Amino acid sequence: MRGQTASPTSTENGARVRAMSGMVKVLAFAGARDVIGNDEVAWALDDETTATALLDAIIARYPALGPMRRSLRLAVNGRYADDGDVVRHGDEVALLPPVAGG
């Protein structure tokens, strides 16, 4: 696993962030958004990482996501990510919990 920090850069008060060098933009939807308390978080990366390592770091920071772990999906730059897919500075990562509809 390559290194990443375990602490996001706050986007409190609903402030929007732009992807920039050394950061990824994490978008949270449905139950994940409820746990994180925001629909966007700027996440600092020391270096590129994998989708699984990033998800593990996010869950470490937001332990209430733990029960959703098996059903959470990540999308990187609009495409569903496999566990070993690389996440790089400037990427946009979506946390996608299961949703029900009708």
C-alpha atoms as a PDB file:
ATOM      1  CA  MET A   1       0.000   0.000   0.000  1.00  0.00           C
ATOM      2  CA  ARG A   2       1.264   3.417  -0.849  1.00  0.00           C
ATOM      3  CA  GLY A   3       0.918   6.162   1.719  1.00  0.00           C
ATOM      4  CA  GLN A   4      -1.998   8.439   2.217  1.00  0.00           C
ATOM      5  CA  THR A   5      -2.967  10.600   5.098  1.00  0.00           C
ATOM      6  CA  ALA A   6      -5.880   9.521   7.239  1.00  0.00           C
ATOM      7  CA  SER A   7      -7.303  12.976   7.624  1.00  0.00           C
ATOM      8  CA  PRO A   8      -9.338  14.900   5.103  1.00  0.00           C
ATOM      9  CA  THR A   9      -9.210  18.599   4.522  1.00  0.00           C
ATOM     10  CA  SER A  10     -12.437  19.987   5.914  1.00  0.00           C
ATOM     11  CA  THR A  11     -15.112  21.392   3.641  1.00  0.00           C
ATOM     12  CA  GLU A  12     -17.324  22.518   6.474  1.00  0.00           C
ATOM     13  CA  ASN A  13     -20.367  24.723   5.936  1.00  0.00           C
ATOM     14  CA  GLY A  14     -20.975  23.067   2.573  1.00  0.00           C
ATOM     15  CA  ALA A  15     -17.996  24.739   0.917  1.00  0.00           C
ATOM     16  CA  ARG A  16     -17.141  23.195  -2.451  1.00  0.00           C
ATOM     17  CA  VAL A  17     -13.591  22.141  -3.204  1.00  0.00           C
ATOM     18  CA  ARG A  18     -11.679  21.742  -6.413  1.00  0.00           C
ATOM     19  CA  ALA A  19      -9.431  18.773  -7.055  1.00  0.00           C
ATOM     20  CA  MET A  20      -5.837  19.901  -6.800  1.00  0.00           C
ATOM     21  CA  SER A  21      -2.387  18.420  -6.599  1.00  0.00           C
ATOM     22  CA  GLY A  22      -1.976  16.212  -3.551  1.00  0.00           C
ATOM     23  CA  MET A  23      -5.724  15.916  -3.039  1.00  0.00           C
ATOM     24  CA  VAL A  24      -8.636  13.851  -4.222  1.00  0.00           C
ATOM     25  CA  LYS A  25     -12.224  14.976  -4.042  1.00  0.00           C
ATOM     26  CA  VAL A  26     -14.393  12.419  -2.242  1.00  0.00           C
ATOM     27  CA  LEU A  27     -18.096  12.647  -3.028  1.00  0.00           C
ATOM     28  CA  ALA A  28     -20.439  10.957  -0.575  1.00  0.00           C
ATOM     29  CA  PHE A  29     -23.954   9.817  -1.386  1.00  0.00           C
ATOM     30  CA  ALA A  30     -26.983   8.580   0.588  1.00  0.00           C
ATOM     31  CA  GLY A  31     -26.007   6.862   3.871  1.00  0.00           C
ATOM     32  CA  ALA A  32     -22.309   7.644   3.371  1.00  0.00           C
ATOM     33  CA  ARG A  33     -23.141  11.346   3.132  1.00  0.00           C
ATOM     34  CA  ASP A  34     -25.162  11.081   6.339  1.00  0.00           C
ATOM     35  CA  VAL A  35     -22.220   9.508   8.177  1.00  0.00           C
ATOM     36  CA  ILE A  36     -19.612  11.943   6.842  1.00  0.00           C
ATOM     37  CA  GLY A  37     -21.883  14.932   7.342  1.00  0.00           C
ATOM     38  CA  ASN A  38     -21.096  16.474   3.975  1.00  0.00           C
ATOM     39  CA  ASP A  39     -21.457  15.595   0.325  1.00  0.00           C
ATOM     40  CA  GLU A  40     -17.835  16.495  -0.502  1.00  0.00           C
ATOM     41  CA  VAL A  41     -14.556  16.108   1.329  1.00  0.00           C
ATOM     42  CA  ALA A  42     -11.096  17.021   0.056  1.00  0.00           C
ATOM     43  CA  TRP A  43      -8.778  14.149   1.000  1.00  0.00           C
ATOM     44  CA  ALA A  44      -5.015  14.613   1.178  1.00  0.00           C
ATOM     45  CA  LEU A  45      -2.831  11.938  -0.421  1.00  0.00           C
ATOM     46  CA  ASP A  46       0.897  11.672   0.166  1.00  0.00           C
ATOM     47  CA  ASP A  47       1.202   9.525  -2.956  1.00  0.00           C
ATOM     48  CA  GLU A  48      -1.009   7.480  -5.228  1.00  0.00           C
ATOM     49  CA  THR A  49      -2.895   4.690  -3.497  1.00  0.00           C
ATOM     50  CA  THR A  50      -5.383   1.960  -4.317  1.00  0.00           C
ATOM     51  CA  ALA A  51      -9.151   2.184  -4.152  1.00  0.00           C
ATOM     52  CA  THR A  52      -9.167  -0.338  -1.296  1.00  0.00           C
ATOM     53  CA  ALA A  53      -6.506   1.515   0.699  1.00  0.00           C
ATOM     54  CA  LEU A  54      -8.372   4.800   0.286  1.00  0.00           C
ATOM     55  CA  LEU A  55     -11.650   3.217   1.346  1.00  0.00           C
ATOM     56  CA  ASP A  56      -9.935   1.700   4.391  1.00  0.00           C
ATOM     57  CA  ALA A  57      -8.528   5.129   5.322  1.00  0.00           C
ATOM     58  CA  ILE A  58     -11.934   6.760   4.912  1.00  0.00           C
ATOM     59  CA  ILE A  59     -13.537   4.119   7.136  1.00  0.00           C
ATOM     60  CA  ALA A  60     -10.777   4.590   9.720  1.00  0.00           C
ATOM     61  CA  ARG A  61     -11.648   8.311   9.813  1.00  0.00           C
ATOM     62  CA  TYR A  62     -15.420   7.668   9.767  1.00  0.00           C
ATOM     63  CA  PRO A  63     -15.888   4.356  11.646  1.00  0.00           C
ATOM     64  CA  ALA A  64     -19.679   4.494  11.300  1.00  0.00           C
ATOM     65  CA  LEU A  65     -19.113   3.549   7.645  1.00  0.00           C
ATOM     66  CA  GLY A  66     -17.708   0.211   8.830  1.00  0.00           C
ATOM     67  CA  PRO A  67     -21.030  -1.658   8.786  1.00  0.00           C
ATOM     68  CA  MET A  68     -21.473  -0.579   5.132  1.00  0.00           C
ATOM     69  CA  ARG A  69     -17.968  -1.709   4.128  1.00  0.00           C
ATOM     70  CA  ARG A  70     -19.002  -4.857   2.262  1.00  0.00           C
ATOM     71  CA  SER A  71     -21.590  -3.046   0.186  1.00  0.00           C
ATOM     72  CA  LEU A  72     -19.847   0.296  -0.434  1.00  0.00           C
ATOM     73  CA  ARG A  73     -18.590   0.827  -3.962  1.00  0.00           C
ATOM     74  CA  LEU A  74     -16.075   3.388  -5.123  1.00  0.00           C
ATOM     75  CA  ALA A  75     -16.112   5.108  -8.463  1.00  0.00           C
ATOM     76  CA  VAL A  76     -12.977   6.907  -9.608  1.00  0.00           C
ATOM     77  CA  ASN A  77     -13.463   9.624 -12.191  1.00  0.00           C
ATOM     78  CA  GLY A  78     -16.943   8.339 -13.012  1.00  0.00           C
ATOM     79  CA  ARG A  79     -16.060   4.640 -13.381  1.00  0.00           C
ATOM     80  CA  TYR A  80     -16.605   1.877 -10.848  1.00  0.00           C
ATOM     81  CA  ALA A  81     -13.255   1.005  -9.288  1.00  0.00           C
ATOM     82  CA  ASP A  82     -11.850  -2.448  -8.636  1.00  0.00           C
ATOM     83  CA  ASP A  83      -9.990  -2.985  -5.362  1.00  0.00           C
ATOM     84  CA  GLY A  84      -6.524  -2.528  -6.851  1.00  0.00           C
ATOM     85  CA  ASP A  85      -7.323   0.419  -9.112  1.00  0.00           C
ATOM     86  CA  VAL A  86      -4.989   3.336  -8.554  1.00  0.00           C
ATOM     87  CA  VAL A  87      -6.225   6.634  -7.111  1.00  0.00           C
ATOM     88  CA  ARG A  88      -4.023   9.613  -7.953  1.00  0.00           C
ATOM     89  CA  HIS A  89      -3.834  13.270  -6.983  1.00  0.00           C
ATOM     90  CA  GLY A  90      -6.631  15.223  -8.626  1.00  0.00           C
ATOM     91  CA  ASP A  91      -8.989  12.256  -8.996  1.00  0.00           C
ATOM     92  CA  GLU A  92     -12.641  12.420  -8.046  1.00  0.00           C
ATOM     93  CA  VAL A  93     -13.798   9.488  -5.936  1.00  0.00           C
ATOM     94  CA  ALA A  94     -17.447   8.726  -5.259  1.00  0.00           C
ATOM     95  CA  LEU A  95     -18.536   6.685  -2.225  1.00  0.00           C
ATOM     96  CA  LEU A  96     -21.570   4.750  -3.358  1.00  0.00           C
ATOM     97  CA  PRO A  97     -23.559   2.879  -0.705  1.00  0.00           C
ATOM     98  CA  PRO A  98     -26.355   0.565  -1.759  1.00  0.00           C
ATOM     99  CA  VAL A  99     -29.573   2.377  -2.499  1.00  0.00           C
ATOM    100  CA  ALA A 100     -33.116   1.166  -2.852  1.00  0.00           C
ATOM    101  CA  GLY A 101     -35.560   2.557  -5.272  1.00  0.00           C
ATOM    102  CA  GLY A 102     -38.888   1.831  -6.693  1.00  0.00           C
END
